[in-house]
Amino acid sequence: MDVNPINYELTFEPDLKKFIFLGTEIITVSCKKPTNLISMDCAEIKIKSCTVKFGSKIITSTPKTDEKKERLSIKLGEKIKGEATIHLEFQGILNDRLLGFYRSQYKQGNTTKYLATTQFEAADARRAFPCWDEPEAKATFEISIIADNKFTAISNMPVQSKKNLKIKHYTNLKKHLLCQLI
């Protein structure tokens, strides 16, 4: 691979009423050879914005997804080599197929309740966020979850911090909890 991920900074905001999620991502990458094309895995994700930074310079970038090949290609306005960051905003579906970032349900009395959970094996992380969804593409992860205060974020790693946010997404203003996990 000519472009390798070093670190992913991910923020997810699931909507358990519409069964979608918003995401932001900053991927620090290492470009071993000069390149003007960055390709990674991506499935069932709509890219809302894409910016590539190389040093202090913003490089013109054009993202294009190929649903059949489950790929995201980012065409750069010039060649880069060395360390760069890819800034993405995206939207996905909380599917009910047990793949990627998906929804599950349970009964509490006569009420059906929902939760958002993940299944990334063998190649389904690409359904949660654009990434190099291959075993040899090792990287570190910093993950934040934005959720209503009534929900709890659970991880296999300790919570680094929690804070209350007042943000406006979808249609109404709600208090949200930002849970940062490492």
N, C-alpha and C. Protein backbone atom coordinates (compact mmCIF):
# COMPACT_ATOMS: atom_id res chain seq x y z
N MET A 1 0.84 -1.18 0.00
CA MET A 1 0.00 0.00 0.00
C MET A 1 0.89 1.24 0.00
N ASP A 2 0.61 2.15 -0.89
CA ASP A 2 1.38 3.39 -0.98
C ASP A 2 0.90 4.44 0.02
N VAL A 3 -0.38 4.34 0.44
CA VAL A 3 -0.92 5.24 1.46
C VAL A 3 -1.37 4.38 2.63
N ASN A 4 -0.84 4.68 3.81
CA ASN A 4 -1.16 3.90 5.00
C ASN A 4 -1.78 4.78 6.07
N PRO A 5 -2.82 4.28 6.74
CA PRO A 5 -3.39 5.04 7.86
C PRO A 5 -2.48 4.95 9.08
N ILE A 6 -2.39 6.05 9.82
CA ILE A 6 -1.64 6.09 11.07
C ILE A 6 -2.61 6.19 12.24
N ASN A 7 -3.58 7.11 12.13
CA ASN A 7 -4.54 7.35 13.20
C ASN A 7 -5.88 7.79 12.63
N TYR A 8 -6.95 7.33 13.27
CA TYR A 8 -8.31 7.76 12.93
C TYR A 8 -8.88 8.50 14.12
N GLU A 9 -9.39 9.71 13.90
CA GLU A 9 -10.19 10.44 14.91
C GLU A 9 -11.62 10.42 14.39
N LEU A 10 -12.48 9.70 15.08
CA LEU A 10 -13.85 9.48 14.62
C LEU A 10 -14.86 10.03 15.60
N THR A 11 -15.91 10.65 15.09
CA THR A 11 -17.05 11.08 15.90
C THR A 11 -18.31 10.56 15.22
N PHE A 12 -19.14 9.88 16.00
CA PHE A 12 -20.40 9.34 15.50
C PHE A 12 -21.56 9.95 16.26
N GLU A 13 -22.63 10.25 15.53
CA GLU A 13 -23.86 10.73 16.15
C GLU A 13 -25.03 9.91 15.58
N PRO A 14 -25.42 8.85 16.31
CA PRO A 14 -26.53 8.02 15.82
C PRO A 14 -27.89 8.66 16.09
N ASP A 15 -28.83 8.44 15.18
CA ASP A 15 -30.21 8.88 15.34
C ASP A 15 -31.08 7.62 15.33
N LEU A 16 -31.54 7.22 16.52
CA LEU A 16 -32.29 5.98 16.65
C LEU A 16 -33.77 6.12 16.30
N LYS A 17 -34.16 7.28 15.82
CA LYS A 17 -35.53 7.46 15.30
C LYS A 17 -35.53 7.31 13.79
N LYS A 18 -34.53 7.89 13.13
CA LYS A 18 -34.44 7.82 11.66
C LYS A 18 -33.55 6.67 11.20
N PHE A 19 -32.85 6.02 12.13
CA PHE A 19 -31.93 4.92 11.84
C PHE A 19 -30.83 5.33 10.86
N ILE A 20 -30.25 6.50 11.13
CA ILE A 20 -29.09 6.98 10.39
C ILE A 20 -28.03 7.41 11.40
N PHE A 21 -26.87 7.72 10.92
CA PHE A 21 -25.84 8.32 11.77
C PHE A 21 -25.04 9.31 10.96
N LEU A 22 -24.59 10.35 11.65
CA LEU A 22 -23.66 11.32 11.07
C LEU A 22 -22.27 10.98 11.61
N GLY A 23 -21.27 11.24 10.81
CA GLY A 23 -19.92 10.96 11.24
C GLY A 23 -18.95 12.00 10.74
N THR A 24 -17.92 12.24 11.53
CA THR A 24 -16.78 13.04 11.08
C THR A 24 -15.53 12.22 11.34
N GLU A 25 -14.53 12.47 10.54
CA GLU A 25 -13.34 11.64 10.60
C GLU A 25 -12.13 12.46 10.16
N ILE A 26 -11.07 12.32 10.91
CA ILE A 26 -9.77 12.85 10.50
C ILE A 26 -8.82 11.67 10.50
N ILE A 27 -8.31 11.36 9.32
CA ILE A 27 -7.37 10.24 9.20
C ILE A 27 -5.99 10.81 8.92
N THR A 28 -5.05 10.51 9.79
CA THR A 28 -3.66 10.85 9.53
C THR A 28 -3.08 9.69 8.72
N VAL A 29 -2.50 10.03 7.58
CA VAL A 29 -1.97 9.00 6.68
C VAL A 29 -0.50 9.28 6.36
N SER A 30 0.17 8.24 5.92
CA SER A 30 1.54 8.35 5.44
C SER A 30 1.56 7.92 3.98
N CYS A 31 1.99 8.83 3.11
CA CYS A 31 2.10 8.54 1.68
C CYS A 31 3.56 8.20 1.39
N LYS A 32 3.82 6.94 1.09
CA LYS A 32 5.19 6.48 0.88
C LYS A 32 5.80 7.00 -0.42
N LYS A 33 4.96 7.11 -1.44
CA LYS A 33 5.40 7.59 -2.76
C LYS A 33 4.55 8.79 -3.13
N PRO A 34 5.03 9.65 -4.00
CA PRO A 34 4.18 10.77 -4.46
C PRO A 34 2.89 10.22 -5.09
N THR A 35 1.77 10.78 -4.67
CA THR A 35 0.49 10.30 -5.19
C THR A 35 -0.51 11.45 -5.29
N ASN A 36 -1.42 11.32 -6.23
CA ASN A 36 -2.53 12.27 -6.33
C ASN A 36 -3.87 11.53 -6.25
N LEU A 37 -3.82 10.28 -5.76
CA LEU A 37 -5.03 9.48 -5.58
C LEU A 37 -4.94 8.69 -4.29
N ILE A 38 -5.94 8.86 -3.44
CA ILE A 38 -6.03 8.10 -2.20
C ILE A 38 -7.29 7.25 -2.29
N SER A 39 -7.14 5.93 -2.15
CA SER A 39 -8.27 5.01 -2.22
C SER A 39 -8.38 4.23 -0.92
N MET A 40 -9.62 4.05 -0.47
CA MET A 40 -9.88 3.28 0.75
C MET A 40 -11.22 2.59 0.62
N ASP A 41 -11.54 1.75 1.58
CA ASP A 41 -12.81 1.03 1.59
C ASP A 41 -13.92 1.92 2.12
N CYS A 42 -15.11 1.78 1.52
CA CYS A 42 -16.26 2.58 1.93
C CYS A 42 -17.52 1.95 1.33
N ALA A 43 -18.47 1.60 2.17
CA ALA A 43 -19.71 0.99 1.68
C ALA A 43 -20.91 1.58 2.41
N GLU A 44 -21.94 1.90 1.66
CA GLU A 44 -23.20 2.39 2.22
C GLU A 44 -23.04 3.69 3.01
N ILE A 45 -22.05 4.48 2.62
CA ILE A 45 -21.74 5.76 3.27
C ILE A 45 -21.86 6.87 2.24
N LYS A 46 -22.53 7.96 2.60
CA LYS A 46 -22.62 9.14 1.73
C LYS A 46 -21.61 10.17 2.23
N ILE A 47 -20.69 10.55 1.39
CA ILE A 47 -19.68 11.55 1.74
C ILE A 47 -20.30 12.93 1.57
N LYS A 48 -20.28 13.73 2.65
CA LYS A 48 -20.84 15.07 2.60
C LYS A 48 -19.77 16.12 2.33
N SER A 49 -18.55 15.89 2.83
CA SER A 49 -17.44 16.80 2.53
C SER A 49 -16.12 16.07 2.70
N CYS A 50 -15.11 16.56 1.98
CA CYS A 50 -13.79 15.96 2.01
C CYS A 50 -12.74 17.05 1.82
N THR A 51 -11.78 17.11 2.74
CA THR A 51 -10.67 18.05 2.66
C THR A 51 -9.39 17.29 2.97
N VAL A 52 -8.35 17.54 2.22
CA VAL A 52 -7.05 16.93 2.48
C VAL A 52 -6.07 18.04 2.81
N LYS A 53 -5.37 17.87 3.94
CA LYS A 53 -4.36 18.85 4.36
C LYS A 53 -2.99 18.20 4.30
N PHE A 54 -2.06 18.92 3.70
CA PHE A 54 -0.68 18.48 3.58
C PHE A 54 0.17 19.58 4.17
N GLY A 55 0.69 19.37 5.36
CA GLY A 55 1.37 20.44 6.09
C GLY A 55 0.34 21.50 6.43
N SER A 56 0.61 22.74 6.09
CA SER A 56 -0.36 23.82 6.35
C SER A 56 -1.21 24.11 5.11
N LYS A 57 -1.03 23.33 4.07
CA LYS A 57 -1.70 23.57 2.79
C LYS A 57 -2.94 22.69 2.63
N ILE A 58 -4.03 23.27 2.16
CA ILE A 58 -5.23 22.50 1.83
C ILE A 58 -5.14 22.13 0.36
N ILE A 59 -5.20 20.83 0.09
CA ILE A 59 -5.08 20.31 -1.27
C ILE A 59 -6.48 20.13 -1.85
N THR A 60 -6.70 20.61 -3.06
CA THR A 60 -7.98 20.39 -3.73
C THR A 60 -8.23 18.89 -3.80
N SER A 61 -9.43 18.46 -3.37
CA SER A 61 -9.73 17.02 -3.36
C SER A 61 -11.15 16.77 -3.83
N THR A 62 -11.31 15.72 -4.62
CA THR A 62 -12.61 15.34 -5.15
C THR A 62 -12.89 13.89 -4.78
N PRO A 63 -13.86 13.67 -3.87
CA PRO A 63 -14.18 12.29 -3.49
C PRO A 63 -15.18 11.65 -4.45
N LYS A 64 -15.01 10.35 -4.69
CA LYS A 64 -15.95 9.62 -5.52
C LYS A 64 -16.09 8.21 -4.95
N THR A 65 -17.34 7.80 -4.73
CA THR A 65 -17.57 6.46 -4.21
C THR A 65 -18.00 5.52 -5.34
N ASP A 66 -17.55 4.29 -5.24
CA ASP A 66 -17.95 3.23 -6.16
C ASP A 66 -18.65 2.17 -5.31
N GLU A 67 -19.99 2.16 -5.35
CA GLU A 67 -20.78 1.26 -4.51
C GLU A 67 -20.49 -0.21 -4.81
N LYS A 68 -20.33 -0.56 -6.08
CA LYS A 68 -20.08 -1.96 -6.44
C LYS A 68 -18.76 -2.47 -5.87
N LYS A 69 -17.73 -1.64 -5.98
CA LYS A 69 -16.40 -2.05 -5.48
C LYS A 69 -16.21 -1.71 -4.01
N GLU A 70 -17.18 -1.00 -3.41
CA GLU A 70 -17.10 -0.56 -2.01
C GLU A 70 -15.81 0.22 -1.76
N ARG A 71 -15.58 1.23 -2.60
CA ARG A 71 -14.36 2.03 -2.54
C ARG A 71 -14.69 3.51 -2.54
N LEU A 72 -13.85 4.27 -1.86
CA LEU A 72 -13.85 5.72 -1.92
C LEU A 72 -12.51 6.12 -2.53
N SER A 73 -12.56 6.88 -3.61
CA SER A 73 -11.35 7.41 -4.23
C SER A 73 -11.35 8.91 -4.06
N ILE A 74 -10.23 9.44 -3.59
CA ILE A 74 -10.07 10.88 -3.43
C ILE A 74 -9.00 11.35 -4.40
N LYS A 75 -9.43 12.08 -5.42
CA LYS A 75 -8.51 12.62 -6.42
C LYS A 75 -7.97 13.95 -5.90
N LEU A 76 -6.66 14.08 -5.87
CA LEU A 76 -6.01 15.28 -5.36
C LEU A 76 -5.58 16.19 -6.51
N GLY A 77 -5.61 17.49 -6.26
CA GLY A 77 -5.22 18.48 -7.25
C GLY A 77 -3.73 18.51 -7.51
N GLU A 78 -2.95 17.89 -6.65
CA GLU A 78 -1.50 17.80 -6.83
C GLU A 78 -0.98 16.59 -6.09
N LYS A 79 0.21 16.15 -6.42
CA LYS A 79 0.81 14.99 -5.75
C LYS A 79 1.33 15.37 -4.38
N ILE A 80 1.19 14.44 -3.45
CA ILE A 80 1.72 14.64 -2.11
C ILE A 80 2.55 13.42 -1.72
N LYS A 81 3.50 13.63 -0.80
CA LYS A 81 4.32 12.55 -0.25
C LYS A 81 4.62 12.90 1.20
N GLY A 82 4.51 11.91 2.08
CA GLY A 82 4.74 12.14 3.50
C GLY A 82 3.43 12.09 4.27
N GLU A 83 3.39 12.80 5.37
CA GLU A 83 2.21 12.76 6.23
C GLU A 83 1.17 13.80 5.82
N ALA A 84 -0.09 13.39 5.82
CA ALA A 84 -1.21 14.27 5.47
C ALA A 84 -2.41 13.88 6.31
N THR A 85 -3.44 14.74 6.33
CA THR A 85 -4.68 14.40 7.02
C THR A 85 -5.85 14.51 6.05
N ILE A 86 -6.75 13.56 6.17
CA ILE A 86 -7.97 13.54 5.37
C ILE A 86 -9.12 13.85 6.31
N HIS A 87 -9.90 14.89 6.01
CA HIS A 87 -11.02 15.31 6.85
C HIS A 87 -12.31 14.98 6.09
N LEU A 88 -13.13 14.12 6.68
CA LEU A 88 -14.37 13.68 6.03
C LEU A 88 -15.58 13.91 6.92
N GLU A 89 -16.68 14.30 6.31
CA GLU A 89 -17.99 14.31 6.95
C GLU A 89 -18.85 13.36 6.14
N PHE A 90 -19.62 12.51 6.83
CA PHE A 90 -20.39 11.51 6.11
C PHE A 90 -21.67 11.16 6.85
N GLN A 91 -22.53 10.42 6.15
CA GLN A 91 -23.78 9.94 6.72
C GLN A 91 -23.94 8.48 6.33
N GLY A 92 -24.42 7.69 7.29
CA GLY A 92 -24.64 6.27 7.02
C GLY A 92 -26.00 5.83 7.54
N ILE A 93 -26.31 4.59 7.28
CA ILE A 93 -27.57 4.00 7.69
C ILE A 93 -27.31 3.02 8.83
N LEU A 94 -28.11 3.12 9.89
CA LEU A 94 -28.07 2.12 10.96
C LEU A 94 -28.93 0.95 10.45
N ASN A 95 -28.30 0.06 9.71
CA ASN A 95 -29.03 -1.04 9.08
C ASN A 95 -29.48 -2.07 10.12
N ASP A 96 -30.26 -3.03 9.69
CA ASP A 96 -30.71 -4.10 10.58
C ASP A 96 -30.15 -5.45 10.13
N ARG A 97 -28.95 -5.43 9.49
CA ARG A 97 -28.35 -6.63 8.93
C ARG A 97 -27.15 -7.14 9.73
N LEU A 98 -26.91 -6.60 10.92
CA LEU A 98 -25.80 -7.03 11.79
C LEU A 98 -24.43 -6.77 11.15
N LEU A 99 -24.32 -5.69 10.37
CA LEU A 99 -23.08 -5.34 9.67
C LEU A 99 -22.70 -3.90 9.95
N GLY A 100 -21.42 -3.64 10.18
CA GLY A 100 -20.94 -2.27 10.35
C GLY A 100 -21.49 -1.64 11.62
N PHE A 101 -21.99 -0.42 11.53
CA PHE A 101 -22.64 0.30 12.63
C PHE A 101 -24.13 0.10 12.38
N TYR A 102 -24.77 -0.72 13.19
CA TYR A 102 -26.14 -1.13 12.90
C TYR A 102 -27.04 -0.99 14.12
N ARG A 103 -28.34 -1.17 13.90
CA ARG A 103 -29.30 -1.09 14.99
C ARG A 103 -29.72 -2.50 15.40
N SER A 104 -29.99 -2.60 16.67
CA SER A 104 -30.55 -3.83 17.23
C SER A 104 -31.75 -3.41 18.07
N GLN A 105 -32.60 -4.35 18.38
CA GLN A 105 -33.78 -4.00 19.16
C GLN A 105 -34.00 -5.02 20.28
N TYR A 106 -34.74 -4.57 21.28
CA TYR A 106 -35.12 -5.45 22.39
C TYR A 106 -36.45 -4.96 22.93
N LYS A 107 -37.09 -5.80 23.71
CA LYS A 107 -38.38 -5.45 24.31
C LYS A 107 -38.17 -5.12 25.79
N GLN A 108 -38.83 -4.05 26.20
CA GLN A 108 -38.89 -3.71 27.62
C GLN A 108 -40.38 -3.57 27.93
N GLY A 109 -40.93 -4.63 28.52
CA GLY A 109 -42.38 -4.69 28.67
C GLY A 109 -42.99 -4.87 27.29
N ASN A 110 -43.92 -4.00 26.94
CA ASN A 110 -44.54 -4.03 25.61
C ASN A 110 -43.90 -3.05 24.64
N THR A 111 -42.82 -2.39 25.07
CA THR A 111 -42.18 -1.36 24.26
C THR A 111 -40.94 -1.91 23.57
N THR A 112 -40.82 -1.63 22.27
CA THR A 112 -39.61 -2.00 21.53
C THR A 112 -38.62 -0.84 21.66
N LYS A 113 -37.41 -1.17 22.07
CA LYS A 113 -36.35 -0.18 22.21
C LYS A 113 -35.21 -0.55 21.27
N TYR A 114 -34.43 0.48 20.90
CA TYR A 114 -33.35 0.29 19.94
C TYR A 114 -32.02 0.71 20.54
N LEU A 115 -30.96 0.12 20.00
CA LEU A 115 -29.60 0.51 20.35
C LEU A 115 -28.77 0.45 19.09
N ALA A 116 -27.67 1.16 19.08
CA ALA A 116 -26.73 1.13 17.96
C ALA A 116 -25.49 0.38 18.43
N THR A 117 -25.00 -0.52 17.61
CA THR A 117 -23.86 -1.34 17.97
C THR A 117 -23.01 -1.60 16.73
N THR A 118 -21.90 -2.29 16.88
CA THR A 118 -21.00 -2.51 15.75
C THR A 118 -20.66 -3.98 15.56
N GLN A 119 -20.37 -4.33 14.32
CA GLN A 119 -19.80 -5.61 13.93
C GLN A 119 -18.91 -5.32 12.73
N PHE A 120 -17.59 -5.38 12.94
CA PHE A 120 -16.65 -4.98 11.90
C PHE A 120 -15.97 -6.17 11.21
N GLU A 121 -16.10 -7.37 11.75
CA GLU A 121 -15.45 -8.52 11.13
C GLU A 121 -16.33 -9.05 10.01
N ALA A 122 -15.88 -9.58 8.94
CA ALA A 122 -14.50 -9.59 8.56
C ALA A 122 -14.15 -8.29 7.84
N ALA A 123 -15.08 -7.72 7.07
CA ALA A 123 -14.77 -6.50 6.32
C ALA A 123 -15.96 -5.54 6.37
N ASP A 124 -16.45 -5.24 7.57
CA ASP A 124 -17.63 -4.39 7.66
C ASP A 124 -17.41 -3.08 8.39
N ALA A 125 -16.17 -2.76 8.78
CA ALA A 125 -15.89 -1.43 9.33
C ALA A 125 -16.19 -0.38 8.26
N ARG A 126 -16.01 -0.72 6.99
CA ARG A 126 -16.26 0.20 5.87
C ARG A 126 -17.71 0.66 5.80
N ARG A 127 -18.64 -0.03 6.50
CA ARG A 127 -20.04 0.38 6.55
C ARG A 127 -20.30 1.38 7.66
N ALA A 128 -19.30 1.61 8.50
CA ALA A 128 -19.40 2.58 9.59
C ALA A 128 -18.63 3.85 9.29
N PHE A 129 -17.49 3.72 8.60
CA PHE A 129 -16.66 4.89 8.28
C PHE A 129 -15.69 4.51 7.16
N PRO A 130 -15.32 5.48 6.31
CA PRO A 130 -14.31 5.20 5.28
C PRO A 130 -12.99 4.83 5.95
N CYS A 131 -12.37 3.75 5.48
CA CYS A 131 -11.15 3.26 6.14
C CYS A 131 -10.41 2.28 5.25
N TRP A 132 -9.25 1.87 5.71
CA TRP A 132 -8.53 0.77 5.10
C TRP A 132 -8.96 -0.45 5.92
N ASP A 133 -9.91 -1.19 5.40
CA ASP A 133 -10.57 -2.29 6.11
C ASP A 133 -9.85 -3.60 5.81
N GLU A 134 -8.56 -3.61 6.11
CA GLU A 134 -7.70 -4.75 5.82
C GLU A 134 -6.80 -5.01 7.02
N PRO A 135 -6.54 -6.27 7.35
CA PRO A 135 -5.74 -6.59 8.55
C PRO A 135 -4.35 -5.95 8.58
N GLU A 136 -3.71 -5.78 7.42
CA GLU A 136 -2.35 -5.22 7.42
C GLU A 136 -2.33 -3.70 7.60
N ALA A 137 -3.47 -3.06 7.54
CA ALA A 137 -3.54 -1.59 7.67
C ALA A 137 -3.78 -1.22 9.13
N LYS A 138 -2.78 -1.39 9.95
CA LYS A 138 -2.87 -1.11 11.39
C LYS A 138 -2.82 0.39 11.64
N ALA A 139 -3.65 0.84 12.58
CA ALA A 139 -3.68 2.26 12.95
C ALA A 139 -4.24 2.37 14.36
N THR A 140 -4.12 3.55 14.94
CA THR A 140 -4.73 3.83 16.24
C THR A 140 -6.05 4.54 16.02
N PHE A 141 -6.92 4.49 17.04
CA PHE A 141 -8.27 5.05 16.93
C PHE A 141 -8.59 5.90 18.15
N GLU A 142 -9.23 7.05 17.90
CA GLU A 142 -9.81 7.89 18.93
C GLU A 142 -11.27 8.06 18.53
N ILE A 143 -12.19 7.58 19.37
CA ILE A 143 -13.60 7.54 18.99
C ILE A 143 -14.43 8.35 19.97
N SER A 144 -15.32 9.19 19.42
CA SER A 144 -16.27 9.96 20.23
C SER A 144 -17.68 9.61 19.77
N ILE A 145 -18.58 9.50 20.74
CA ILE A 145 -19.99 9.23 20.47
C ILE A 145 -20.79 10.41 20.99
N ILE A 146 -21.65 10.97 20.15
CA ILE A 146 -22.57 12.03 20.58
C ILE A 146 -23.94 11.39 20.67
N ALA A 147 -24.53 11.42 21.87
CA ALA A 147 -25.82 10.76 22.08
C ALA A 147 -26.65 11.55 23.08
N ASP A 148 -27.97 11.34 23.02
CA ASP A 148 -28.86 11.92 24.03
C ASP A 148 -28.39 11.51 25.41
N ASN A 149 -28.64 12.36 26.39
CA ASN A 149 -28.25 12.05 27.77
C ASN A 149 -28.86 10.76 28.28
N LYS A 150 -30.01 10.36 27.74
CA LYS A 150 -30.68 9.15 28.23
C LYS A 150 -29.97 7.87 27.78
N PHE A 151 -28.99 7.98 26.88
CA PHE A 151 -28.27 6.81 26.40
C PHE A 151 -26.90 6.70 27.06
N THR A 152 -26.35 5.51 27.02
CA THR A 152 -25.02 5.24 27.56
C THR A 152 -24.15 4.69 26.44
N ALA A 153 -22.94 5.20 26.31
CA ALA A 153 -21.98 4.67 25.35
C ALA A 153 -21.09 3.68 26.07
N ILE A 154 -20.94 2.51 25.50
CA ILE A 154 -20.13 1.44 26.09
C ILE A 154 -19.05 1.06 25.10
N SER A 155 -17.85 0.83 25.60
CA SER A 155 -16.72 0.49 24.74
C SER A 155 -15.89 -0.61 25.39
N ASN A 156 -15.02 -1.22 24.60
CA ASN A 156 -14.08 -2.18 25.17
C ASN A 156 -12.82 -1.48 25.68
N MET A 157 -12.82 -0.16 25.63
CA MET A 157 -11.72 0.64 26.16
C MET A 157 -12.28 1.64 27.15
N PRO A 158 -11.45 2.15 28.07
CA PRO A 158 -11.97 3.09 29.06
C PRO A 158 -12.38 4.43 28.45
N VAL A 159 -13.36 5.07 29.07
CA VAL A 159 -13.81 6.39 28.66
C VAL A 159 -12.75 7.40 29.07
N GLN A 160 -12.33 8.24 28.15
CA GLN A 160 -11.33 9.26 28.43
C GLN A 160 -11.99 10.48 29.06
N SER A 161 -13.16 10.90 28.53
CA SER A 161 -13.85 12.06 29.08
C SER A 161 -15.31 12.04 28.65
N LYS A 162 -16.14 12.79 29.38
CA LYS A 162 -17.54 12.98 29.04
C LYS A 162 -17.85 14.46 29.24
N LYS A 163 -18.70 15.01 28.38
CA LYS A 163 -19.13 16.39 28.59
C LYS A 163 -20.49 16.60 27.94
N ASN A 164 -21.26 17.51 28.52
CA ASN A 164 -22.57 17.85 27.96
C ASN A 164 -22.40 18.86 26.85
N LEU A 165 -23.13 18.67 25.77
CA LEU A 165 -23.10 19.56 24.62
C LEU A 165 -24.51 20.04 24.33
N LYS A 166 -24.64 21.22 23.79
CA LYS A 166 -25.91 21.67 23.25
C LYS A 166 -25.66 21.85 21.76
N ILE A 167 -26.19 20.93 20.98
CA ILE A 167 -25.98 20.98 19.54
C ILE A 167 -27.32 20.80 18.83
N LYS A 168 -27.35 21.25 17.60
CA LYS A 168 -28.57 21.14 16.82
C LYS A 168 -28.30 20.27 15.60
N HIS A 169 -28.88 19.12 15.59
CA HIS A 169 -28.83 18.22 14.43
C HIS A 169 -30.24 17.71 14.22
N TYR A 170 -30.50 17.28 13.03
CA TYR A 170 -31.81 16.77 12.64
C TYR A 170 -32.83 17.89 12.78
N THR A 171 -33.73 17.89 13.76
CA THR A 171 -34.76 18.94 13.79
C THR A 171 -34.88 19.67 15.10
N ASN A 172 -34.37 19.13 16.18
CA ASN A 172 -34.57 19.82 17.45
C ASN A 172 -33.28 19.92 18.26
N LEU A 173 -33.30 20.89 19.15
CA LEU A 173 -32.15 21.13 20.01
C LEU A 173 -32.24 20.20 21.21
N LYS A 174 -31.19 19.43 21.46
CA LYS A 174 -31.18 18.49 22.57
C LYS A 174 -29.85 18.61 23.29
N LYS A 175 -29.87 18.22 24.52
CA LYS A 175 -28.60 18.07 25.23
C LYS A 175 -28.01 16.74 24.82
N HIS A 176 -26.76 16.72 24.52
CA HIS A 176 -26.09 15.50 24.13
C HIS A 176 -24.89 15.27 25.03
N LEU A 177 -24.49 14.05 25.10
CA LEU A 177 -23.33 13.67 25.86
C LEU A 177 -22.25 13.27 24.85
N LEU A 178 -21.11 13.89 24.94
CA LEU A 178 -19.97 13.50 24.10
C LEU A 178 -19.11 12.57 24.93
N CYS A 179 -18.97 11.36 24.47
CA CYS A 179 -18.21 10.36 25.19
C CYS A 179 -16.99 10.03 24.35
N GLN A 180 -15.80 10.35 24.85
CA GLN A 180 -14.59 10.08 24.10
C GLN A 180 -13.97 8.79 24.62
N LEU A 181 -13.68 7.91 23.68
CA LEU A 181 -13.13 6.60 23.99
C LEU A 181 -11.79 6.46 23.29
N ILE A 182 -10.88 5.77 23.91
CA ILE A 182 -9.60 5.48 23.25
C ILE A 182 -9.45 3.97 23.21
